[in-house]
């Protein structure tokens, strides 16, 4: 869910709030893994450049993620095999697009994020401690892409996405490789 509204003043500034819930389940080697996450956030978006051929927005975000991973019993000796984490996040982003060639559109995005992963269960501390993925982190995500119409309904798409981080990230904060820009 996402809701935003104009913040007055006539400059196009929007303030918003969002919430999402995700359940997952998968079987790996016949073992059932499942869990869920609840995420909420607040944001402010300000249009920076608006022309007939280009747009650039600046966005500030703050939010929290509450993550629960339920592991199969074979991973627990005498405790509940449940990993609980709380992630507090703040970010600043610049995103935009430019219609630079006839029938073409180039998009870009730069996002700087800082946060803290709190390991809220003994099981999480045991699992994440080995990977050194708890505590404070900073990351920088970047992307650029171009979609060019070639002929009729056919188009050519190329893009580059990446992530830089100051230390080993928790799995919930890592770069995703899905969608049209997936590594294949």
Protein backbone atom coordinates (compact mmCIF):
# COMPACT_ATOMS: atom_id res chain seq x y z
CA UNK A 1 0.00 0.00 0.00
CA UNK A 2 1.20 3.48 -0.80
CA UNK A 3 -0.47 6.82 -0.26
CA UNK A 4 0.92 10.24 -1.09
CA UNK A 5 -0.44 13.75 -1.37
CA UNK A 6 0.74 17.14 -2.53
CA UNK A 7 2.41 19.13 0.22
CA UNK A 8 1.15 22.54 -0.87
CA UNK A 9 3.16 25.44 -2.19
CA UNK A 10 2.69 24.59 -5.86
CA UNK A 11 6.17 23.11 -6.35
CA UNK A 12 5.05 19.49 -6.78
CA UNK A 13 6.41 18.26 -3.44
CA UNK A 14 4.71 15.06 -2.32
CA UNK A 15 4.74 13.38 1.08
CA UNK A 16 3.75 9.78 1.47
CA UNK A 17 3.53 6.68 3.57
CA UNK A 18 3.78 3.03 2.49
CA UNK A 19 3.35 -0.43 3.96
CA UNK A 20 3.94 -3.93 2.61
CA UNK A 21 3.66 -7.48 3.93
CA UNK A 22 5.38 -10.47 2.34
CA UNK A 23 4.99 -14.19 3.11
CA UNK A 24 7.39 -16.70 1.61
CA UNK A 25 7.79 -20.46 1.58
CA UNK A 26 10.23 -22.71 -0.25
CA UNK A 27 11.48 -26.28 -0.03
CA UNK A 28 15.19 -26.86 -0.27
CA UNK A 29 16.30 -30.50 -0.10
CA UNK A 30 12.87 -31.40 1.28
CA UNK A 31 13.19 -28.95 4.18
CA UNK A 32 10.50 -26.31 4.57
CA UNK A 33 11.68 -22.73 5.00
CA UNK A 34 9.18 -19.92 5.45
CA UNK A 35 8.79 -16.50 6.95
CA UNK A 36 7.37 -13.05 6.54
CA UNK A 37 8.26 -9.38 6.59
CA UNK A 38 6.40 -6.20 7.43
CA UNK A 39 7.77 -2.95 6.02
CA UNK A 40 6.62 0.62 6.49
CA UNK A 41 8.06 3.91 5.36
CA UNK A 42 7.65 7.66 5.09
CA UNK A 43 8.94 9.68 2.16
CA UNK A 44 9.15 13.12 0.57
CA UNK A 45 9.58 13.52 -3.20
CA UNK A 46 10.53 16.80 -4.86
CA UNK A 47 10.57 17.30 -8.64
CA UNK A 48 13.86 18.93 -9.54
CA UNK A 49 13.72 19.10 -13.34
CA UNK A 50 10.55 18.91 -15.43
CA UNK A 51 10.67 19.51 -19.17
CA UNK A 52 8.96 17.91 -22.15
CA UNK A 53 12.00 15.64 -22.63
CA UNK A 54 13.38 15.13 -19.13
CA UNK A 55 12.41 14.67 -15.51
CA UNK A 56 14.54 14.38 -12.38
CA UNK A 57 13.20 13.76 -8.87
CA UNK A 58 14.86 13.90 -5.45
CA UNK A 59 13.45 11.63 -2.74
CA UNK A 60 14.11 11.15 0.98
CA UNK A 61 12.92 7.94 2.70
CA UNK A 62 12.82 6.63 6.26
CA UNK A 63 11.36 3.33 7.38
CA UNK A 64 11.56 0.04 9.21
CA UNK A 65 11.49 -3.62 8.27
CA UNK A 66 10.46 -6.38 10.66
CA UNK A 67 11.68 -9.76 9.38
CA UNK A 68 10.91 -13.24 10.70
CA UNK A 69 12.53 -16.35 9.19
CA UNK A 70 11.29 -19.77 10.31
CA UNK A 71 13.88 -22.48 9.79
CA UNK A 72 13.31 -26.27 9.82
CA UNK A 73 13.77 -27.96 13.21
CA UNK A 74 16.99 -29.65 12.06
CA UNK A 75 18.73 -26.26 12.49
CA UNK A 76 17.88 -25.99 16.19
CA UNK A 77 19.39 -27.85 19.09
CA UNK A 78 17.13 -26.71 21.92
CA UNK A 79 15.87 -23.28 20.87
CA UNK A 80 13.19 -22.17 18.45
CA UNK A 81 14.69 -21.99 14.94
CA UNK A 82 13.24 -18.55 14.31
CA UNK A 83 15.29 -15.60 13.13
CA UNK A 84 13.96 -12.15 13.99
CA UNK A 85 15.46 -8.91 12.71
CA UNK A 86 14.52 -5.24 12.75
CA UNK A 87 16.05 -2.96 10.13
CA UNK A 88 15.91 0.85 10.44
CA UNK A 89 16.64 2.60 7.15
CA UNK A 90 17.11 6.11 5.78
CA UNK A 91 17.91 6.96 2.16
CA UNK A 92 18.30 9.76 -0.34
CA UNK A 93 17.73 9.21 -4.07
CA UNK A 94 17.99 11.02 -7.38
CA UNK A 95 16.06 9.37 -10.22
CA UNK A 96 15.03 10.47 -13.66
CA UNK A 97 14.62 9.86 -17.35
CA UNK A 98 15.53 11.65 -20.58
CA UNK A 99 13.98 11.20 -24.03
CA UNK A 100 17.33 11.60 -25.77
CA UNK A 101 16.81 9.85 -29.11
CA UNK A 102 13.65 9.62 -31.22
CA UNK A 103 11.76 6.61 -29.85
CA UNK A 104 14.25 6.18 -27.00
CA UNK A 105 14.19 6.76 -23.27
CA UNK A 106 17.18 6.68 -20.91
CA UNK A 107 16.54 6.23 -17.20
CA UNK A 108 18.86 6.51 -14.23
CA UNK A 109 18.89 6.27 -10.46
CA UNK A 110 21.34 6.89 -7.63
CA UNK A 111 20.38 5.88 -4.08
CA UNK A 112 22.43 6.24 -0.90
CA UNK A 113 21.14 4.27 2.10
CA UNK A 114 22.22 4.00 5.69
CA UNK A 115 20.72 1.78 8.32
CA UNK A 116 21.02 -0.59 11.22
CA UNK A 117 20.17 -4.30 11.35
CA UNK A 118 19.06 -5.33 14.83
CA UNK A 119 19.26 -9.06 15.49
CA UNK A 120 16.29 -9.66 17.80
CA UNK A 121 16.62 -13.38 18.53
CA UNK A 122 19.42 -15.66 19.63
CA UNK A 123 18.99 -17.72 16.48
CA UNK A 124 19.44 -14.59 14.30
CA UNK A 125 22.57 -13.65 16.22
CA UNK A 126 24.00 -17.15 15.71
CA UNK A 127 23.25 -17.24 11.97
CA UNK A 128 24.14 -13.62 11.15
CA UNK A 129 27.12 -13.50 13.50
CA UNK A 130 29.09 -15.83 11.25
CA UNK A 131 28.44 -13.58 8.26
CA UNK A 132 29.03 -10.37 10.26
CA UNK A 133 25.88 -8.87 8.72
CA UNK A 134 24.29 -7.25 11.80
CA UNK A 135 24.73 -3.66 12.98
CA UNK A 136 25.19 -0.47 10.99
CA UNK A 137 25.58 -0.43 7.23
CA UNK A 138 25.76 1.93 4.29
CA UNK A 139 25.16 1.10 0.66
CA UNK A 140 25.01 2.87 -2.68
CA UNK A 141 22.82 1.57 -5.51
CA UNK A 142 23.05 2.81 -9.08
CA UNK A 143 21.29 2.02 -12.31
CA UNK A 144 21.17 3.31 -15.86
CA UNK A 145 19.13 1.89 -18.73
CA UNK A 146 18.00 2.71 -22.22
CA UNK A 147 14.92 1.50 -24.07
CA UNK A 148 14.99 2.19 -27.81
CA UNK A 149 12.16 1.47 -30.21
CA UNK A 150 13.66 -0.32 -33.22
CA UNK A 151 10.76 -1.05 -35.54
CA UNK A 152 7.04 -1.39 -34.93
CA UNK A 153 6.45 -3.26 -31.66
CA UNK A 154 10.13 -4.23 -31.32
CA UNK A 155 12.51 -2.43 -29.01
CA UNK A 156 16.01 -2.82 -27.64
CA UNK A 157 16.68 -2.58 -23.89
CA UNK A 158 20.05 -2.39 -22.15
CA UNK A 159 20.85 -1.54 -18.58
CA UNK A 160 23.42 -1.69 -15.82
CA UNK A 161 22.61 -2.01 -12.11
CA UNK A 162 25.00 -2.22 -9.21
CA UNK A 163 25.53 -1.92 -5.49
CA UNK A 164 28.46 -0.88 -3.31
CA UNK A 165 28.45 -1.48 0.45
CA UNK A 166 30.74 -0.66 3.36
CA UNK A 167 30.57 -4.19 4.80
CA UNK A 168 28.76 -7.52 4.44
CA UNK A 169 25.03 -6.80 4.13
CA UNK A 170 22.16 -8.73 5.63
CA UNK A 171 20.30 -10.74 2.96
CA UNK A 172 17.33 -8.36 3.24
CA UNK A 173 19.50 -5.44 2.06
CA UNK A 174 21.37 -7.04 -0.82
CA UNK A 175 21.10 -6.20 -4.48
CA UNK A 176 18.34 -8.15 -6.25
CA UNK A 177 19.01 -9.68 -9.64
CA UNK A 178 15.48 -10.13 -10.96
CA UNK A 179 13.33 -8.48 -13.58
CA UNK A 180 14.31 -7.14 -17.00
CA UNK A 181 17.82 -6.35 -15.78
CA UNK A 182 18.44 -9.83 -14.37
CA UNK A 183 21.77 -11.57 -14.69
CA UNK A 184 21.24 -14.46 -17.11
